[in-house]
Amino acid sequence: MPRFCYVSKILPGKSDTIRNHWKTKLEDNTAQKEAEDADFWKELKMTGFESFLQPTPVGDFMIHCLEGESLEKIFEGLRKQITANNKIALNLANFYQNTLGKDYQKPEAEPEIEFLLDVHVPTNLPQVKKAFFYPILADKVEAHRQFRKDSNGEKKMRHEASMKAFNVSHLSVWLQKVGHEYYSVVYTERRPDSQCDAAKRLERGMNSPEWQEIAKTLQEHTGLSHNELSPNVEWLTQH
């Protein structure tokens, strides 16, 4: 099933509420709750969900990764279930209203995202998931679109070599517009031993000319430092 990743800024003081929500949900899971969730997901034509928390200098963000038939149908289904007073839908709507300030009953709460890139490097080794995002400078949006297009075209081999340097087997990217701001939202699958701090992760790219070229472009597009190109995130839905 297709995957759709986007970010939401967390309201001040609500990061621990989000952490505790997912922790409690995983700890209190039962066969009955799993069955109820499965029925709810069917109504949304949704087959999977992951979430991550990324701290930034301007506040914490939640990264949502949804799998399903289409993003439009997922959000349309959610609005219908809220209107129908479905208990799960109402709890979800209240949770996101409280932590993100978003009213999921309104169509404008649906994120505006554009799919840019999907690259696989085949592997039989165990993989873990990670999603994160970069801010994109307003005057670099078109350049970033072209950069991602080239990474799945004439420069695909360069990108695959960079992924191998970081033990990444799957990389997907979306461009998200939020008001006047743009974000590049990245989803990866990588070897578990890649789950270390940013400095150690970036050491893997020191001997990769492909990564050095990519990193230079990303710094130009984001205004971030080299170390900020590999942000630390929390995998909230890991179990």
C-alpha atoms as a PDB file:
ATOM      1  CA  MET A   1       0.000   0.000   0.000  1.00  0.00           C
ATOM      2  CA  PRO A   2       1.180   3.579  -0.632  1.00  0.00           C
ATOM      3  CA  ARG A   3       2.686   5.537   2.253  1.00  0.00           C
ATOM      4  CA  PHE A   4       2.075   9.222   3.045  1.00  0.00           C
ATOM      5  CA  CYS A   5       4.280  11.152   5.514  1.00  0.00           C
ATOM      6  CA  TYR A   6       3.726  14.669   6.819  1.00  0.00           C
ATOM      7  CA  VAL A   7       4.532  16.777   9.875  1.00  0.00           C
ATOM      8  CA  SER A   8       2.535  18.717  12.460  1.00  0.00           C
ATOM      9  CA  LYS A   9       3.934  21.219  14.923  1.00  0.00           C
ATOM     10  CA  ILE A  10       3.175  20.201  18.499  1.00  0.00           C
ATOM     11  CA  LEU A  11       1.581  22.809  20.744  1.00  0.00           C
ATOM     12  CA  PRO A  12       3.882  24.149  23.507  1.00  0.00           C
ATOM     13  CA  GLY A  13       3.987  21.838  26.518  1.00  0.00           C
ATOM     14  CA  LYS A  14       2.178  18.975  24.755  1.00  0.00           C
ATOM     15  CA  SER A  15       5.115  16.752  23.740  1.00  0.00           C
ATOM     16  CA  ASP A  16       4.887  14.588  26.857  1.00  0.00           C
ATOM     17  CA  THR A  17       1.139  14.242  26.332  1.00  0.00           C
ATOM     18  CA  ILE A  18       1.875  12.764  22.909  1.00  0.00           C
ATOM     19  CA  ARG A  19       4.619  10.496  24.266  1.00  0.00           C
ATOM     20  CA  ASN A  20       2.357   9.217  27.031  1.00  0.00           C
ATOM     21  CA  HIS A  21      -0.556   8.708  24.639  1.00  0.00           C
ATOM     22  CA  TRP A  22       1.376   6.261  22.474  1.00  0.00           C
ATOM     23  CA  LYS A  23       3.097   4.617  25.436  1.00  0.00           C
ATOM     24  CA  THR A  24      -0.263   3.971  27.133  1.00  0.00           C
ATOM     25  CA  LYS A  25      -1.856   2.810  23.887  1.00  0.00           C
ATOM     26  CA  LEU A  26       0.867   0.206  23.339  1.00  0.00           C
ATOM     27  CA  GLU A  27       0.873  -0.965  26.951  1.00  0.00           C
ATOM     28  CA  ASP A  28      -2.922  -1.245  27.227  1.00  0.00           C
ATOM     29  CA  ASN A  29      -3.449  -2.967  23.902  1.00  0.00           C
ATOM     30  CA  THR A  30      -5.778  -5.996  23.964  1.00  0.00           C
ATOM     31  CA  ALA A  31      -7.212  -8.330  21.349  1.00  0.00           C
ATOM     32  CA  GLN A  32     -10.549  -6.505  21.567  1.00  0.00           C
ATOM     33  CA  LYS A  33      -8.923  -3.092  21.125  1.00  0.00           C
ATOM     34  CA  GLU A  34      -6.886  -4.397  18.200  1.00  0.00           C
ATOM     35  CA  ALA A  35     -10.082  -5.675  16.563  1.00  0.00           C
ATOM     36  CA  GLU A  36     -11.837  -2.325  17.119  1.00  0.00           C
ATOM     37  CA  ASP A  37      -8.857  -0.458  15.669  1.00  0.00           C
ATOM     38  CA  ALA A  38      -8.797  -2.807  12.665  1.00  0.00           C
ATOM     39  CA  ASP A  39     -12.480  -2.116  11.956  1.00  0.00           C
ATOM     40  CA  PHE A  40     -11.858   1.626  12.287  1.00  0.00           C
ATOM     41  CA  TRP A  41      -8.893   1.472   9.905  1.00  0.00           C
ATOM     42  CA  LYS A  42     -11.020  -0.389   7.346  1.00  0.00           C
ATOM     43  CA  GLU A  43     -13.462   2.507   7.331  1.00  0.00           C
ATOM     44  CA  LEU A  44     -10.543   4.818   6.539  1.00  0.00           C
ATOM     45  CA  LYS A  45      -9.076   2.379   3.962  1.00  0.00           C
ATOM     46  CA  MET A  46      -5.891   2.547   6.028  1.00  0.00           C
ATOM     47  CA  THR A  47      -3.438  -0.326   6.513  1.00  0.00           C
ATOM     48  CA  GLY A  48      -0.648   1.068   8.688  1.00  0.00           C
ATOM     49  CA  PHE A  49       0.534   3.956  10.833  1.00  0.00           C
ATOM     50  CA  GLU A  50       3.807   5.110  12.394  1.00  0.00           C
ATOM     51  CA  SER A  51       4.605   8.293  14.288  1.00  0.00           C
ATOM     52  CA  PHE A  52       7.833  10.007  15.322  1.00  0.00           C
ATOM     53  CA  LEU A  53       8.700  13.049  17.423  1.00  0.00           C
ATOM     54  CA  GLN A  54      11.432  15.436  16.246  1.00  0.00           C
ATOM     55  CA  PRO A  55      12.738  18.263  18.459  1.00  0.00           C
ATOM     56  CA  THR A  56      13.852  21.446  16.659  1.00  0.00           C
ATOM     57  CA  PRO A  57      15.035  24.908  17.787  1.00  0.00           C
ATOM     58  CA  VAL A  58      11.556  26.275  16.996  1.00  0.00           C
ATOM     59  CA  GLY A  59       9.617  23.564  18.842  1.00  0.00           C
ATOM     60  CA  ASP A  60       8.779  19.878  18.653  1.00  0.00           C
ATOM     61  CA  PHE A  61       7.106  18.296  15.641  1.00  0.00           C
ATOM     62  CA  MET A  62       5.182  15.071  15.162  1.00  0.00           C
ATOM     63  CA  ILE A  63       5.779  13.120  11.974  1.00  0.00           C
ATOM     64  CA  HIS A  64       2.851  11.002  10.766  1.00  0.00           C
ATOM     65  CA  CYS A  65       3.394   8.099   8.351  1.00  0.00           C
ATOM     66  CA  LEU A  66       0.123   6.641   7.062  1.00  0.00           C
ATOM     67  CA  GLU A  67      -0.343   3.664   4.769  1.00  0.00           C
ATOM     68  CA  GLY A  68      -3.532   3.250   2.790  1.00  0.00           C
ATOM     69  CA  GLU A  69      -5.415   3.588  -0.453  1.00  0.00           C
ATOM     70  CA  SER A  70      -5.029   7.374  -0.624  1.00  0.00           C
ATOM     71  CA  LEU A  71      -4.455  10.265   1.771  1.00  0.00           C
ATOM     72  CA  GLU A  72      -7.677  11.919   0.615  1.00  0.00           C
ATOM     73  CA  LYS A  73      -9.753   8.811   1.388  1.00  0.00           C
ATOM     74  CA  ILE A  74      -8.135   8.385   4.809  1.00  0.00           C
ATOM     75  CA  PHE A  75      -9.038  11.933   5.840  1.00  0.00           C
ATOM     76  CA  GLU A  76     -12.460  11.755   4.219  1.00  0.00           C
ATOM     77  CA  GLY A  77     -13.138   8.540   6.136  1.00  0.00           C
ATOM     78  CA  LEU A  78     -11.965  10.114   9.378  1.00  0.00           C
ATOM     79  CA  ARG A  79     -14.310  13.079   8.944  1.00  0.00           C
ATOM     80  CA  LYS A  80     -17.229  10.718   8.263  1.00  0.00           C
ATOM     81  CA  GLN A  81     -16.438   8.674  11.379  1.00  0.00           C
ATOM     82  CA  ILE A  82     -16.229  11.830  13.516  1.00  0.00           C
ATOM     83  CA  THR A  83     -19.618  12.948  12.196  1.00  0.00           C
ATOM     84  CA  ALA A  84     -20.998   9.453  12.939  1.00  0.00           C
ATOM     85  CA  ASN A  85     -19.765   9.794  16.559  1.00  0.00           C
ATOM     86  CA  ASN A  86     -17.438   6.815  16.280  1.00  0.00           C
ATOM     87  CA  LYS A  87     -15.723   6.566  19.687  1.00  0.00           C
ATOM     88  CA  ILE A  88     -12.236   5.960  18.267  1.00  0.00           C
ATOM     89  CA  ALA A  89     -12.599   8.817  15.781  1.00  0.00           C
ATOM     90  CA  LEU A  90     -13.837  11.220  18.462  1.00  0.00           C
ATOM     91  CA  ASN A  91     -10.977  10.304  20.824  1.00  0.00           C
ATOM     92  CA  LEU A  92      -8.471  10.758  18.018  1.00  0.00           C
ATOM     93  CA  ALA A  93      -9.967  14.116  17.032  1.00  0.00           C
ATOM     94  CA  ASN A  94      -9.896  15.345  20.647  1.00  0.00           C
ATOM     95  CA  PHE A  95      -6.301  14.159  21.081  1.00  0.00           C
ATOM     96  CA  TYR A  96      -5.036  15.999  18.008  1.00  0.00           C
ATOM     97  CA  GLN A  97      -7.078  19.105  18.808  1.00  0.00           C
ATOM     98  CA  ASN A  98      -5.468  19.169  22.257  1.00  0.00           C
ATOM     99  CA  THR A  99      -1.884  18.438  21.184  1.00  0.00           C
ATOM    100  CA  LEU A 100      -1.627  19.871  17.660  1.00  0.00           C
ATOM    101  CA  GLY A 101      -4.410  22.454  17.609  1.00  0.00           C
ATOM    102  CA  LYS A 102      -5.894  20.763  14.529  1.00  0.00           C
ATOM    103  CA  ASP A 103      -9.597  20.213  13.944  1.00  0.00           C
ATOM    104  CA  TYR A 104      -9.674  16.957  11.982  1.00  0.00           C
ATOM    105  CA  GLN A 105     -13.359  17.433  11.228  1.00  0.00           C
ATOM    106  CA  LYS A 106     -12.418  20.267   8.867  1.00  0.00           C
ATOM    107  CA  PRO A 107     -11.072  19.520   5.361  1.00  0.00           C
ATOM    108  CA  GLU A 108      -8.326  22.130   5.794  1.00  0.00           C
ATOM    109  CA  ALA A 109      -6.706  19.898   8.445  1.00  0.00           C
ATOM    110  CA  GLU A 110      -5.726  17.514   5.637  1.00  0.00           C
ATOM    111  CA  PRO A 111      -2.005  18.029   4.898  1.00  0.00           C
ATOM    112  CA  GLU A 112      -0.836  19.391   1.564  1.00  0.00           C
ATOM    113  CA  ILE A 113       1.941  17.051   0.435  1.00  0.00           C
ATOM    114  CA  GLU A 114       3.656  16.226  -2.847  1.00  0.00           C
ATOM    115  CA  PHE A 115       5.424  12.906  -3.439  1.00  0.00           C
ATOM    116  CA  LEU A 116       8.998  13.472  -4.647  1.00  0.00           C
ATOM    117  CA  LEU A 117      11.148  10.353  -4.333  1.00  0.00           C
ATOM    118  CA  ASP A 118      11.195   6.619  -3.614  1.00  0.00           C
ATOM    119  CA  VAL A 119      14.431   4.592  -3.821  1.00  0.00           C
ATOM    120  CA  HIS A 120      15.062   0.981  -2.723  1.00  0.00           C
ATOM    121  CA  VAL A 121      18.376  -0.787  -2.191  1.00  0.00           C
ATOM    122  CA  PRO A 122      17.529  -4.525  -1.849  1.00  0.00           C
ATOM    123  CA  THR A 123      18.585  -6.228   1.392  1.00  0.00           C
ATOM    124  CA  ASN A 124      17.689  -9.323   3.418  1.00  0.00           C
ATOM    125  CA  LEU A 125      18.912  -7.818   6.706  1.00  0.00           C
ATOM    126  CA  PRO A 126      16.551  -6.641   9.491  1.00  0.00           C
ATOM    127  CA  GLN A 127      15.486  -2.999   9.139  1.00  0.00           C
ATOM    128  CA  VAL A 128      14.107  -0.307  11.447  1.00  0.00           C
ATOM    129  CA  LYS A 129      11.975   2.694  10.464  1.00  0.00           C
ATOM    130  CA  LYS A 130      12.818   6.358  10.871  1.00  0.00           C
ATOM    131  CA  ALA A 131      11.082   9.484   9.621  1.00  0.00           C
ATOM    132  CA  PHE A 132      12.280  13.070   9.958  1.00  0.00           C
ATOM    133  CA  PHE A 133      12.017  16.390   8.147  1.00  0.00           C
ATOM    134  CA  TYR A 134      14.006  19.374   6.953  1.00  0.00           C
ATOM    135  CA  PRO A 135      12.730  22.944   6.503  1.00  0.00           C
ATOM    136  CA  ILE A 136      13.116  24.091   2.894  1.00  0.00           C
ATOM    137  CA  LEU A 137      14.020  27.709   2.191  1.00  0.00           C
ATOM    138  CA  ALA A 138      11.278  29.477   0.206  1.00  0.00           C
ATOM    139  CA  ASP A 139      13.605  30.337  -2.682  1.00  0.00           C
ATOM    140  CA  LYS A 140      14.907  26.747  -2.880  1.00  0.00           C
ATOM    141  CA  VAL A 141      11.619  24.866  -3.296  1.00  0.00           C
ATOM    142  CA  GLU A 142      11.904  24.407  -7.064  1.00  0.00           C
ATOM    143  CA  ALA A 143      15.574  23.487  -6.784  1.00  0.00           C
ATOM    144  CA  HIS A 144      14.655  20.863  -4.178  1.00  0.00           C
ATOM    145  CA  ARG A 145      11.982  19.382  -6.434  1.00  0.00           C
ATOM    146  CA  GLN A 146      14.567  19.061  -9.211  1.00  0.00           C
ATOM    147  CA  PHE A 147      17.169  17.618  -6.829  1.00  0.00           C
ATOM    148  CA  ARG A 148      14.774  14.873  -5.743  1.00  0.00           C
ATOM    149  CA  LYS A 149      13.710  14.229  -9.343  1.00  0.00           C
ATOM    150  CA  ASP A 150      17.354  13.798 -10.382  1.00  0.00           C
ATOM    151  CA  SER A 151      17.908  11.457  -7.421  1.00  0.00           C
ATOM    152  CA  ASN A 152      15.401   9.049  -8.950  1.00  0.00           C
ATOM    153  CA  GLY A 153      16.675   9.671 -12.491  1.00  0.00           C
ATOM    154  CA  GLU A 154      20.089  10.522 -13.875  1.00  0.00           C
ATOM    155  CA  LYS A 155      21.700  10.618 -10.405  1.00  0.00           C
ATOM    156  CA  LYS A 156      19.970   7.572  -8.946  1.00  0.00           C
ATOM    157  CA  MET A 157      23.223   5.587  -8.691  1.00  0.00           C
ATOM    158  CA  ARG A 158      24.750   8.427  -6.680  1.00  0.00           C
ATOM    159  CA  HIS A 159      21.812   8.352  -4.284  1.00  0.00           C
ATOM    160  CA  GLU A 160      21.929   4.562  -3.936  1.00  0.00           C
ATOM    161  CA  ALA A 161      25.662   4.740  -3.116  1.00  0.00           C
ATOM    162  CA  SER A 162      24.939   7.329  -0.423  1.00  0.00           C
ATOM    163  CA  MET A 163      22.183   5.148   1.031  1.00  0.00           C
ATOM    164  CA  LYS A 164      24.532   2.165   1.207  1.00  0.00           C
ATOM    165  CA  ALA A 165      27.053   4.280   3.137  1.00  0.00           C
ATOM    166  CA  PHE A 166      24.401   4.803   5.817  1.00  0.00           C
ATOM    167  CA  ASN A 167      22.958   1.248   5.703  1.00  0.00           C
ATOM    168  CA  VAL A 168      19.656   2.617   4.361  1.00  0.00           C
ATOM    169  CA  SER A 169      17.590   0.261   2.204  1.00  0.00           C
ATOM    170  CA  HIS A 170      14.500   2.404   1.555  1.00  0.00           C
ATOM    171  CA  LEU A 171      14.156   6.164   1.171  1.00  0.00           C
ATOM    172  CA  SER A 172      10.976   8.113   0.409  1.00  0.00           C
ATOM    173  CA  VAL A 173      10.515  11.891   0.354  1.00  0.00           C
ATOM    174  CA  TRP A 174       7.521  14.248   0.260  1.00  0.00           C
ATOM    175  CA  LEU A 175       7.329  18.028  -0.011  1.00  0.00           C
ATOM    176  CA  GLN A 176       4.810  19.551   2.404  1.00  0.00           C
ATOM    177  CA  LYS A 177       3.444  23.082   2.354  1.00  0.00           C
ATOM    178  CA  VAL A 178       2.176  24.560   5.625  1.00  0.00           C
ATOM    179  CA  GLY A 179       1.063  28.151   5.177  1.00  0.00           C
ATOM    180  CA  HIS A 180       4.075  29.920   3.707  1.00  0.00           C
ATOM    181  CA  GLU A 181       6.535  27.264   4.920  1.00  0.00           C
ATOM    182  CA  TYR A 182       7.825  24.155   3.159  1.00  0.00           C
ATOM    183  CA  TYR A 183       9.178  20.914   4.595  1.00  0.00           C
ATOM    184  CA  SER A 184      10.978  17.979   3.049  1.00  0.00           C
ATOM    185  CA  VAL A 185       9.631  14.930   4.898  1.00  0.00           C
ATOM    186  CA  VAL A 186      11.840  11.840   4.752  1.00  0.00           C
ATOM    187  CA  TYR A 187      10.991   8.199   5.521  1.00  0.00           C
ATOM    188  CA  THR A 188      13.758   5.594   5.763  1.00  0.00           C
ATOM    189  CA  GLU A 189      14.305   1.940   6.579  1.00  0.00           C
ATOM    190  CA  ARG A 190      17.794   1.070   7.789  1.00  0.00           C
ATOM    191  CA  ARG A 191      19.827  -1.433   9.757  1.00  0.00           C
ATOM    192  CA  PRO A 192      19.244  -1.348  13.547  1.00  0.00           C
ATOM    193  CA  ASP A 193      22.913  -0.530  14.181  1.00  0.00           C
ATOM    194  CA  SER A 194      22.280   2.805  12.461  1.00  0.00           C
ATOM    195  CA  GLN A 195      20.272   3.924  15.498  1.00  0.00           C
ATOM    196  CA  CYS A 196      23.065   5.964  17.110  1.00  0.00           C
ATOM    197  CA  ASP A 197      23.567   9.674  17.702  1.00  0.00           C
ATOM    198  CA  ALA A 198      23.832  12.156  14.832  1.00  0.00           C
ATOM    199  CA  ALA A 199      27.606  12.574  15.002  1.00  0.00           C
ATOM    200  CA  LYS A 200      28.223   8.821  14.779  1.00  0.00           C
ATOM    201  CA  ARG A 201      25.690   8.432  11.970  1.00  0.00           C
ATOM    202  CA  LEU A 202      27.344  11.173   9.955  1.00  0.00           C
ATOM    203  CA  GLU A 203      30.772   9.558  10.383  1.00  0.00           C
ATOM    204  CA  ARG A 204      29.543   6.883   7.976  1.00  0.00           C
ATOM    205  CA  GLY A 205      29.355   9.492   5.240  1.00  0.00           C
ATOM    206  CA  MET A 206      32.885  10.828   5.686  1.00  0.00           C
ATOM    207  CA  ASN A 207      34.267   8.474   3.028  1.00  0.00           C
ATOM    208  CA  SER A 208      31.272   8.770   0.704  1.00  0.00           C
ATOM    209  CA  PRO A 209      31.782  11.408  -2.023  1.00  0.00           C
ATOM    210  CA  GLU A 210      28.154  10.800  -3.027  1.00  0.00           C
ATOM    211  CA  TRP A 211      26.940  11.782   0.449  1.00  0.00           C
ATOM    212  CA  GLN A 212      29.240  14.814   0.546  1.00  0.00           C
ATOM    213  CA  GLU A 213      27.665  16.061  -2.689  1.00  0.00           C
ATOM    214  CA  ILE A 214      24.127  15.395  -1.420  1.00  0.00           C
ATOM    215  CA  ALA A 215      24.871  17.008   1.959  1.00  0.00           C
ATOM    216  CA  LYS A 216      26.153  20.176   0.278  1.00  0.00           C
ATOM    217  CA  THR A 217      22.926  20.448  -1.739  1.00  0.00           C
ATOM    218  CA  LEU A 218      20.751  19.812   1.319  1.00  0.00           C
ATOM    219  CA  GLN A 219      22.580  22.496   3.277  1.00  0.00           C
ATOM    220  CA  GLU A 220      21.928  24.958   0.452  1.00  0.00           C
ATOM    221  CA  HIS A 221      18.227  24.039   0.349  1.00  0.00           C
ATOM    222  CA  THR A 222      17.621  24.004   4.111  1.00  0.00           C
ATOM    223  CA  GLY A 223      20.070  26.432   5.690  1.00  0.00           C
ATOM    224  CA  LEU A 224      20.984  23.688   8.171  1.00  0.00           C
ATOM    225  CA  SER A 225      24.466  22.729   9.343  1.00  0.00           C
ATOM    226  CA  HIS A 226      25.991  19.402   8.306  1.00  0.00           C
ATOM    227  CA  ASN A 227      25.236  17.842  11.720  1.00  0.00           C
ATOM    228  CA  GLU A 228      21.591  18.927  11.521  1.00  0.00           C
ATOM    229  CA  LEU A 229      21.117  16.823   8.366  1.00  0.00           C
ATOM    230  CA  SER A 230      20.791  13.692  10.535  1.00  0.00           C
ATOM    231  CA  PRO A 231      18.343  14.721  13.285  1.00  0.00           C
ATOM    232  CA  ASN A 232      17.584  12.586  16.319  1.00  0.00           C
ATOM    233  CA  VAL A 233      13.944  11.502  16.510  1.00  0.00           C
ATOM    234  CA  GLU A 234      11.799   9.368  18.810  1.00  0.00           C
ATOM    235  CA  TRP A 235       9.899   6.469  17.270  1.00  0.00           C
ATOM    236  CA  LEU A 236       6.629   6.828  19.192  1.00  0.00           C
ATOM    237  CA  THR A 237       4.793   3.795  17.806  1.00  0.00           C
ATOM    238  CA  GLN A 238       7.674   1.313  18.088  1.00  0.00           C
ATOM    239  CA  HIS A 239       6.617  -2.001  19.661  1.00  0.00           C
END
